[in-house]
C-alpha atoms as a PDB file:
ATOM      1  CA  UNK A   1     -47.447 -62.854   1.519  1.00  0.00           C
ATOM      2  CA  UNK A   2     -44.219 -61.560   2.455  1.00  0.00           C
ATOM      3  CA  UNK A   3     -42.932 -64.949   3.016  1.00  0.00           C
ATOM      4  CA  UNK A   4     -43.720 -65.756  -0.851  1.00  0.00           C
ATOM      5  CA  UNK A   5     -41.749 -62.708  -1.964  1.00  0.00           C
ATOM      6  CA  UNK A   6     -38.968 -63.739   0.395  1.00  0.00           C
ATOM      7  CA  UNK A   7     -38.713 -67.108  -0.946  1.00  0.00           C
ATOM      8  CA  UNK A   8     -38.737 -65.443  -4.674  1.00  0.00           C
ATOM      9  CA  UNK A   9     -35.923 -63.387  -3.735  1.00  0.00           C
ATOM     10  CA  UNK A  10     -33.858 -66.256  -2.305  1.00  0.00           C
ATOM     11  CA  UNK A  11     -34.653 -68.300  -5.213  1.00  0.00           C
ATOM     12  CA  UNK A  12     -32.910 -65.779  -7.383  1.00  0.00           C
ATOM     13  CA  UNK A  13     -29.860 -65.183  -4.743  1.00  0.00           C
ATOM     14  CA  UNK A  14     -29.499 -69.035  -4.553  1.00  0.00           C
ATOM     15  CA  UNK A  15     -29.665 -69.284  -8.393  1.00  0.00           C
ATOM     16  CA  UNK A  16     -26.859 -66.689  -9.065  1.00  0.00           C
ATOM     17  CA  UNK A  17     -24.597 -68.327  -6.277  1.00  0.00           C
ATOM     18  CA  UNK A  18     -24.918 -72.027  -7.469  1.00  0.00           C
ATOM     19  CA  UNK A  19     -25.063 -71.636 -11.260  1.00  0.00           C
ATOM     20  CA  UNK A  20     -21.533 -71.729 -11.485  1.00  0.00           C
ATOM     21  CA  UNK A  21     -21.507 -75.330 -10.000  1.00  0.00           C
ATOM     22  CA  UNK A  22     -24.197 -76.304 -12.113  1.00  0.00           C
ATOM     23  CA  UNK A  23     -26.918 -76.202  -9.621  1.00  0.00           C
ATOM     24  CA  UNK A  24     -30.374 -75.148 -10.761  1.00  0.00           C
ATOM     25  CA  UNK A  25     -32.606 -73.350  -8.406  1.00  0.00           C
ATOM     26  CA  UNK A  26     -36.288 -73.006  -8.943  1.00  0.00           C
ATOM     27  CA  UNK A  27     -39.426 -72.388  -6.981  1.00  0.00           C
ATOM     28  CA  UNK A  28     -43.090 -73.377  -7.224  1.00  0.00           C
ATOM     29  CA  UNK A  29     -45.892 -71.102  -6.074  1.00  0.00           C
ATOM     30  CA  UNK A  30     -49.011 -72.853  -5.825  1.00  0.00           C
ATOM     31  CA  UNK A  31     -52.463 -71.113  -5.274  1.00  0.00           C
ATOM     32  CA  UNK A  32     -55.735 -72.933  -4.070  1.00  0.00           C
ATOM     33  CA  UNK A  33     -54.916 -76.580  -4.192  1.00  0.00           C
ATOM     34  CA  UNK A  34     -57.584 -79.082  -3.138  1.00  0.00           C
ATOM     35  CA  UNK A  35     -56.031 -80.927   0.051  1.00  0.00           C
ATOM     36  CA  UNK A  36     -57.394 -82.046   3.537  1.00  0.00           C
ATOM     37  CA  UNK A  37     -56.655 -78.518   4.802  1.00  0.00           C
ATOM     38  CA  UNK A  38     -58.978 -76.983   2.216  1.00  0.00           C
ATOM     39  CA  UNK A  39     -61.703 -79.657   2.135  1.00  0.00           C
ATOM     40  CA  UNK A  40     -64.065 -77.267   3.888  1.00  0.00           C
ATOM     41  CA  UNK A  41     -63.657 -74.553   1.484  1.00  0.00           C
ATOM     42  CA  UNK A  42     -66.649 -74.135  -0.996  1.00  0.00           C
ATOM     43  CA  UNK A  43     -66.531 -73.368  -4.718  1.00  0.00           C
ATOM     44  CA  UNK A  44     -66.964 -69.797  -3.849  1.00  0.00           C
ATOM     45  CA  UNK A  45     -63.474 -69.567  -2.579  1.00  0.00           C
ATOM     46  CA  UNK A  46     -62.072 -70.091  -6.312  1.00  0.00           C
ATOM     47  CA  UNK A  47     -64.938 -68.508  -8.001  1.00  0.00           C
ATOM     48  CA  UNK A  48     -62.973 -65.084  -8.813  1.00  0.00           C
ATOM     49  CA  UNK A  49     -60.199 -66.635 -10.264  1.00  0.00           C
ATOM     50  CA  UNK A  50     -59.548 -67.387 -14.352  1.00  0.00           C
ATOM     51  CA  UNK A  51     -59.694 -70.943 -13.777  1.00  0.00           C
ATOM     52  CA  UNK A  52     -62.514 -71.178 -11.226  1.00  0.00           C
ATOM     53  CA  UNK A  53     -61.562 -74.327  -9.452  1.00  0.00           C
ATOM     54  CA  UNK A  54     -59.020 -75.740  -6.606  1.00  0.00           C
ATOM     55  CA  UNK A  55     -56.039 -77.328  -8.232  1.00  0.00           C
ATOM     56  CA  UNK A  56     -55.302 -80.773  -7.680  1.00  0.00           C
ATOM     57  CA  UNK A  57     -51.800 -81.909  -5.649  1.00  0.00           C
ATOM     58  CA  UNK A  58     -51.182 -83.737  -8.943  1.00  0.00           C
ATOM     59  CA  UNK A  59     -51.011 -80.718 -10.893  1.00  0.00           C
ATOM     60  CA  UNK A  60     -48.467 -79.077  -8.581  1.00  0.00           C
ATOM     61  CA  UNK A  61     -46.439 -82.392  -8.709  1.00  0.00           C
ATOM     62  CA  UNK A  62     -46.383 -82.288 -12.548  1.00  0.00           C
ATOM     63  CA  UNK A  63     -45.077 -78.699 -12.329  1.00  0.00           C
ATOM     64  CA  UNK A  64     -42.266 -79.921 -10.269  1.00  0.00           C
ATOM     65  CA  UNK A  65     -41.431 -82.700 -12.576  1.00  0.00           C
ATOM     66  CA  UNK A  66     -41.614 -80.461 -15.653  1.00  0.00           C
ATOM     67  CA  UNK A  67     -38.957 -78.240 -13.836  1.00  0.00           C
ATOM     68  CA  UNK A  68     -36.750 -81.240 -13.059  1.00  0.00           C
ATOM     69  CA  UNK A  69     -36.893 -83.077 -16.379  1.00  0.00           C
ATOM     70  CA  UNK A  70     -37.491 -80.464 -19.101  1.00  0.00           C
ATOM     71  CA  UNK A  71     -36.942 -77.071 -17.959  1.00  0.00           C
ATOM     72  CA  UNK A  72     -33.170 -77.703 -17.738  1.00  0.00           C
ATOM     73  CA  UNK A  73     -32.257 -74.038 -18.835  1.00  0.00           C
ATOM     74  CA  UNK A  74     -34.235 -72.395 -16.216  1.00  0.00           C
ATOM     75  CA  UNK A  75     -32.536 -71.127 -12.965  1.00  0.00           C
ATOM     76  CA  UNK A  76     -33.710 -68.403 -10.624  1.00  0.00           C
ATOM     77  CA  UNK A  77     -37.432 -69.055 -12.086  1.00  0.00           C
ATOM     78  CA  UNK A  78     -40.502 -69.091 -10.373  1.00  0.00           C
ATOM     79  CA  UNK A  79     -43.377 -71.137 -11.516  1.00  0.00           C
ATOM     80  CA  UNK A  80     -46.687 -70.252 -10.722  1.00  0.00           C
ATOM     81  CA  UNK A  81     -49.705 -73.179 -10.279  1.00  0.00           C
ATOM     82  CA  UNK A  82     -52.565 -70.831  -9.106  1.00  0.00           C
ATOM     83  CA  UNK A  83     -55.529 -71.195 -11.483  1.00  0.00           C
ATOM     84  CA  UNK A  84     -54.584 -67.670 -13.055  1.00  0.00           C
ATOM     85  CA  UNK A  85     -55.381 -65.757 -10.099  1.00  0.00           C
ATOM     86  CA  UNK A  86     -52.042 -63.471 -10.070  1.00  0.00           C
ATOM     87  CA  UNK A  87     -53.151 -62.511 -13.862  1.00  0.00           C
ATOM     88  CA  UNK A  88     -55.920 -60.691 -12.283  1.00  0.00           C
ATOM     89  CA  UNK A  89     -59.918 -61.001 -12.221  1.00  0.00           C
ATOM     90  CA  UNK A  90     -61.272 -62.593 -15.553  1.00  0.00           C
ATOM     91  CA  UNK A  91     -63.045 -60.334 -17.815  1.00  0.00           C
ATOM     92  CA  UNK A  92     -66.728 -60.254 -17.711  1.00  0.00           C
ATOM     93  CA  UNK A  93     -68.420 -59.047 -21.138  1.00  0.00           C
ATOM     94  CA  UNK A  94     -71.857 -57.841 -21.329  1.00  0.00           C
ATOM     95  CA  UNK A  95     -74.119 -58.372 -24.359  1.00  0.00           C
ATOM     96  CA  UNK A  96     -73.560 -54.707 -25.272  1.00  0.00           C
ATOM     97  CA  UNK A  97     -70.201 -55.334 -25.682  1.00  0.00           C
END
């Protein structure tokens, strides 16, 4: 967790330093992504997040492509690809609500 916060601050510092040279600096922060490393993890691992599944590597790649091609006025930005986990637990409504 500390390393992600360090990367976030580094992203902002580098963006401020390099913006005058026309260099944009952004970072991508993926959550649970289905890879060989996570192949043994079951559905219970992602059940508590708003989008209750593992992301695909292609979804992260599409975010990077968006940053490079379309987010040309963004620098110092953090792009989150985590199925909504940082937004919090999904609301659970009971029939009385």
